[in-house]
Amino acid sequence: MTVYQRSAGAYIAEREQPEPGSDRESELDRLAEDEKSDWSRVEDEPADSGEGGPKRPAKNASKEDWVAWAVSQGAERDEADKSTKDDLVKAYGG
């Protein structure tokens, strides 16, 4: 299933995983295609999202671990690199 997110700079403001074929999915798809919109399509979730995905790093992990985690969650690498580790933990720490 497709996941959409609305970003505010390096921060994720909102994430949605609408029902496939729903009106909301169509609306989010249109927003993701609009360059003026803050919405983007970030990933297709596998039907079974078991334990195989990346794990959130510990709060005391390195900044690079947090950058990698933020990118895996949909952040742009340049924005994540510019962020402080504390900002990454606040935005992506759970």
N, C-alpha and C. Protein backbone atom coordinates (compact mmCIF):
# COMPACT_ATOMS: atom_id res chain seq x y z
N MET A 1 0.85 -1.18 0.00
CA MET A 1 0.00 0.00 0.00
C MET A 1 0.90 1.24 0.00
N THR A 2 0.47 2.25 -0.70
CA THR A 2 1.25 3.47 -0.83
C THR A 2 1.10 4.35 0.40
N VAL A 3 2.22 4.95 0.80
CA VAL A 3 2.24 5.88 1.93
C VAL A 3 2.55 7.26 1.37
N TYR A 4 1.83 8.25 1.86
CA TYR A 4 2.03 9.64 1.48
C TYR A 4 2.42 10.42 2.73
N GLN A 5 3.26 11.44 2.54
CA GLN A 5 3.60 12.27 3.69
C GLN A 5 3.64 13.73 3.28
N ARG A 6 3.30 14.57 4.26
CA ARG A 6 3.39 16.02 4.11
C ARG A 6 4.54 16.47 4.97
N SER A 7 5.49 17.17 4.34
CA SER A 7 6.70 17.60 5.04
C SER A 7 6.68 19.09 5.31
N ALA A 8 7.37 19.45 6.35
CA ALA A 8 7.62 20.86 6.68
C ALA A 8 9.13 20.97 6.89
N GLY A 9 9.86 21.27 5.82
CA GLY A 9 11.31 21.28 5.89
C GLY A 9 11.82 19.88 6.10
N ALA A 10 12.65 19.69 7.11
CA ALA A 10 13.21 18.37 7.39
C ALA A 10 12.28 17.52 8.25
N TYR A 11 11.13 18.05 8.61
CA TYR A 11 10.21 17.36 9.51
C TYR A 11 9.03 16.77 8.74
N ILE A 12 8.58 15.63 9.19
CA ILE A 12 7.36 15.04 8.65
C ILE A 12 6.21 15.57 9.47
N ALA A 13 5.30 16.27 8.81
CA ALA A 13 4.16 16.85 9.51
C ALA A 13 3.00 15.85 9.59
N GLU A 14 2.92 14.98 8.60
CA GLU A 14 1.77 14.07 8.53
C GLU A 14 2.10 12.92 7.60
N ARG A 15 1.63 11.72 7.92
CA ARG A 15 1.76 10.55 7.05
C ARG A 15 0.40 9.88 6.95
N GLU A 16 0.07 9.40 5.75
CA GLU A 16 -1.19 8.69 5.54
C GLU A 16 -0.97 7.48 4.65
N GLN A 17 -1.73 6.44 4.93
CA GLN A 17 -1.75 5.25 4.10
C GLN A 17 -3.22 4.97 3.77
N PRO A 18 -3.73 5.63 2.71
CA PRO A 18 -5.16 5.49 2.40
C PRO A 18 -5.48 4.12 1.79
N GLU A 19 -6.74 3.77 1.84
CA GLU A 19 -7.20 2.53 1.22
C GLU A 19 -6.98 2.62 -0.28
N PRO A 20 -6.44 1.57 -0.88
CA PRO A 20 -6.24 1.57 -2.33
C PRO A 20 -7.57 1.79 -3.06
N GLY A 21 -7.55 2.69 -4.05
CA GLY A 21 -8.73 2.97 -4.85
C GLY A 21 -9.70 3.95 -4.22
N SER A 22 -9.40 4.44 -3.01
CA SER A 22 -10.31 5.37 -2.34
C SER A 22 -10.18 6.78 -2.90
N ASP A 23 -11.20 7.60 -2.62
CA ASP A 23 -11.15 9.00 -3.03
C ASP A 23 -9.95 9.70 -2.39
N ARG A 24 -9.63 9.36 -1.15
CA ARG A 24 -8.50 9.99 -0.45
C ARG A 24 -7.19 9.63 -1.14
N GLU A 25 -7.06 8.39 -1.60
CA GLU A 25 -5.84 8.02 -2.31
C GLU A 25 -5.71 8.84 -3.61
N SER A 26 -6.79 9.02 -4.31
CA SER A 26 -6.77 9.83 -5.54
C SER A 26 -6.38 11.27 -5.23
N GLU A 27 -6.94 11.81 -4.15
CA GLU A 27 -6.61 13.19 -3.76
C GLU A 27 -5.14 13.32 -3.39
N LEU A 28 -4.62 12.38 -2.59
CA LEU A 28 -3.22 12.43 -2.19
C LEU A 28 -2.29 12.22 -3.39
N ASP A 29 -2.71 11.38 -4.33
CA ASP A 29 -1.91 11.17 -5.53
C ASP A 29 -1.80 12.46 -6.34
N ARG A 30 -2.90 13.19 -6.46
CA ARG A 30 -2.89 14.49 -7.16
C ARG A 30 -1.98 15.47 -6.42
N LEU A 31 -2.10 15.51 -5.10
CA LEU A 31 -1.25 16.42 -4.32
C LEU A 31 0.22 16.07 -4.45
N ALA A 32 0.55 14.79 -4.46
CA ALA A 32 1.94 14.36 -4.59
C ALA A 32 2.53 14.76 -5.94
N GLU A 33 1.70 14.83 -6.97
CA GLU A 33 2.17 15.22 -8.29
C GLU A 33 2.32 16.73 -8.43
N ASP A 34 1.68 17.50 -7.57
CA ASP A 34 1.71 18.97 -7.63
C ASP A 34 2.99 19.48 -6.98
N GLU A 35 3.85 20.15 -7.76
CA GLU A 35 5.12 20.65 -7.24
C GLU A 35 4.95 21.69 -6.14
N LYS A 36 3.81 22.36 -6.09
CA LYS A 36 3.56 23.39 -5.08
C LYS A 36 3.08 22.80 -3.76
N SER A 37 2.75 21.54 -3.77
CA SER A 37 2.23 20.86 -2.58
C SER A 37 3.37 20.33 -1.72
N ASP A 38 3.12 20.23 -0.42
CA ASP A 38 4.09 19.65 0.52
C ASP A 38 3.95 18.13 0.61
N TRP A 39 3.01 17.54 -0.13
CA TRP A 39 2.77 16.11 -0.09
C TRP A 39 3.67 15.38 -1.06
N SER A 40 4.10 14.18 -0.69
CA SER A 40 4.88 13.33 -1.58
C SER A 40 4.51 11.87 -1.34
N ARG A 41 4.76 11.05 -2.34
CA ARG A 41 4.58 9.61 -2.24
C ARG A 41 5.92 9.08 -1.78
N VAL A 42 5.97 8.40 -0.64
CA VAL A 42 7.25 8.03 -0.07
C VAL A 42 7.60 6.55 -0.19
N GLU A 43 6.64 5.68 -0.27
CA GLU A 43 6.97 4.26 -0.35
C GLU A 43 5.72 3.45 -0.62
N ASP A 44 5.94 2.26 -1.09
CA ASP A 44 4.88 1.28 -1.19
C ASP A 44 5.12 0.28 -0.10
N GLU A 45 4.17 0.17 0.82
CA GLU A 45 4.29 -0.77 1.92
C GLU A 45 4.03 -2.17 1.41
N PRO A 46 4.86 -3.14 1.76
CA PRO A 46 4.55 -4.52 1.38
C PRO A 46 3.30 -4.98 2.12
N ALA A 47 2.60 -5.92 1.54
CA ALA A 47 1.37 -6.42 2.15
C ALA A 47 1.64 -6.96 3.55
N ASP A 48 2.78 -7.63 3.73
CA ASP A 48 3.17 -8.13 5.05
C ASP A 48 4.41 -7.35 5.47
N SER A 49 4.25 -6.42 6.39
CA SER A 49 5.37 -5.56 6.80
C SER A 49 6.02 -6.08 8.08
N GLY A 50 6.23 -7.37 8.20
CA GLY A 50 6.79 -8.02 9.38
C GLY A 50 7.97 -7.31 10.02
N GLU A 51 8.88 -8.05 10.54
CA GLU A 51 10.00 -7.51 11.31
C GLU A 51 11.22 -7.19 10.44
N GLY A 52 11.15 -7.35 9.12
CA GLY A 52 12.31 -7.22 8.27
C GLY A 52 12.77 -5.81 7.95
N GLY A 53 12.00 -4.79 8.28
CA GLY A 53 12.35 -3.41 7.94
C GLY A 53 13.44 -2.85 8.83
N PRO A 54 13.90 -1.63 8.48
CA PRO A 54 14.94 -1.00 9.30
C PRO A 54 14.41 -0.70 10.70
N LYS A 55 15.30 -0.71 11.65
CA LYS A 55 14.94 -0.43 13.04
C LYS A 55 15.33 0.99 13.40
N ARG A 56 14.50 1.64 14.22
CA ARG A 56 14.82 2.99 14.69
C ARG A 56 16.05 2.92 15.57
N PRO A 57 17.03 3.81 15.33
CA PRO A 57 18.23 3.77 16.17
C PRO A 57 17.94 4.22 17.61
N ALA A 58 18.81 3.82 18.51
CA ALA A 58 18.72 4.28 19.90
C ALA A 58 18.99 5.78 19.94
N LYS A 59 18.46 6.44 20.95
CA LYS A 59 18.66 7.89 21.05
C LYS A 59 20.13 8.27 21.14
N ASN A 60 20.97 7.38 21.64
CA ASN A 60 22.39 7.69 21.77
C ASN A 60 23.20 7.22 20.56
N ALA A 61 22.53 6.77 19.49
CA ALA A 61 23.23 6.35 18.27
C ALA A 61 23.86 7.56 17.59
N SER A 62 24.74 7.32 16.65
CA SER A 62 25.44 8.40 15.95
C SER A 62 24.47 9.21 15.08
N LYS A 63 24.88 10.43 14.77
CA LYS A 63 24.07 11.27 13.88
C LYS A 63 23.89 10.57 12.54
N GLU A 64 24.94 9.92 12.03
CA GLU A 64 24.83 9.24 10.73
C GLU A 64 23.76 8.16 10.76
N ASP A 65 23.65 7.42 11.89
CA ASP A 65 22.58 6.43 12.02
C ASP A 65 21.22 7.11 11.95
N TRP A 66 21.10 8.27 12.59
CA TRP A 66 19.83 9.00 12.57
C TRP A 66 19.54 9.58 11.19
N VAL A 67 20.56 10.02 10.48
CA VAL A 67 20.37 10.50 9.11
C VAL A 67 19.86 9.35 8.24
N ALA A 68 20.49 8.19 8.34
CA ALA A 68 20.06 7.03 7.56
C ALA A 68 18.62 6.65 7.90
N TRP A 69 18.26 6.70 9.17
CA TRP A 69 16.90 6.38 9.58
C TRP A 69 15.91 7.40 9.01
N ALA A 70 16.24 8.68 9.11
CA ALA A 70 15.36 9.73 8.59
C ALA A 70 15.14 9.55 7.10
N VAL A 71 16.20 9.24 6.36
CA VAL A 71 16.08 9.02 4.91
C VAL A 71 15.19 7.80 4.65
N SER A 72 15.33 6.75 5.46
CA SER A 72 14.48 5.56 5.28
C SER A 72 13.02 5.87 5.57
N GLN A 73 12.77 6.95 6.32
CA GLN A 73 11.41 7.36 6.66
C GLN A 73 10.87 8.43 5.70
N GLY A 74 11.66 8.76 4.66
CA GLY A 74 11.17 9.67 3.64
C GLY A 74 11.82 11.04 3.58
N ALA A 75 12.76 11.31 4.48
CA ALA A 75 13.44 12.62 4.47
C ALA A 75 14.40 12.69 3.29
N GLU A 76 14.63 13.89 2.81
CA GLU A 76 15.65 14.11 1.80
C GLU A 76 17.01 14.08 2.49
N ARG A 77 17.99 13.42 1.88
CA ARG A 77 19.30 13.26 2.52
C ARG A 77 19.93 14.61 2.83
N ASP A 78 19.88 15.58 1.90
CA ASP A 78 20.49 16.89 2.14
C ASP A 78 19.88 17.56 3.37
N GLU A 79 18.55 17.50 3.50
CA GLU A 79 17.88 18.10 4.65
C GLU A 79 18.26 17.39 5.94
N ALA A 80 18.33 16.06 5.88
CA ALA A 80 18.69 15.29 7.07
C ALA A 80 20.13 15.60 7.49
N ASP A 81 21.05 15.71 6.51
CA ASP A 81 22.44 16.04 6.83
C ASP A 81 22.57 17.40 7.48
N LYS A 82 21.73 18.35 7.08
CA LYS A 82 21.78 19.71 7.63
C LYS A 82 21.20 19.78 9.05
N SER A 83 20.34 18.83 9.38
CA SER A 83 19.68 18.83 10.69
C SER A 83 20.65 18.39 11.78
N THR A 84 20.39 18.86 12.99
CA THR A 84 21.17 18.38 14.12
C THR A 84 20.65 17.00 14.53
N LYS A 85 21.46 16.27 15.24
CA LYS A 85 21.03 14.95 15.72
C LYS A 85 19.79 15.09 16.60
N ASP A 86 19.77 16.10 17.47
CA ASP A 86 18.60 16.31 18.34
C ASP A 86 17.34 16.56 17.53
N ASP A 87 17.45 17.34 16.45
CA ASP A 87 16.29 17.59 15.60
C ASP A 87 15.82 16.31 14.91
N LEU A 88 16.77 15.47 14.48
CA LEU A 88 16.40 14.20 13.86
C LEU A 88 15.69 13.28 14.86
N VAL A 89 16.21 13.24 16.09
CA VAL A 89 15.58 12.41 17.13
C VAL A 89 14.17 12.90 17.40
N LYS A 90 13.99 14.23 17.49
CA LYS A 90 12.65 14.79 17.74
C LYS A 90 11.71 14.47 16.59
N ALA A 91 12.18 14.60 15.35
CA ALA A 91 11.32 14.41 14.19
C ALA A 91 11.04 12.94 13.89
N TYR A 92 12.01 12.07 14.10
CA TYR A 92 11.88 10.67 13.66
C TYR A 92 12.02 9.66 14.79
N GLY A 93 12.05 10.14 16.03
CA GLY A 93 12.30 9.25 17.15
C GLY A 93 11.12 8.45 17.65
N GLY A 94 10.01 8.61 17.01
CA GLY A 94 8.89 7.78 17.42
C GLY A 94 7.81 8.56 17.94
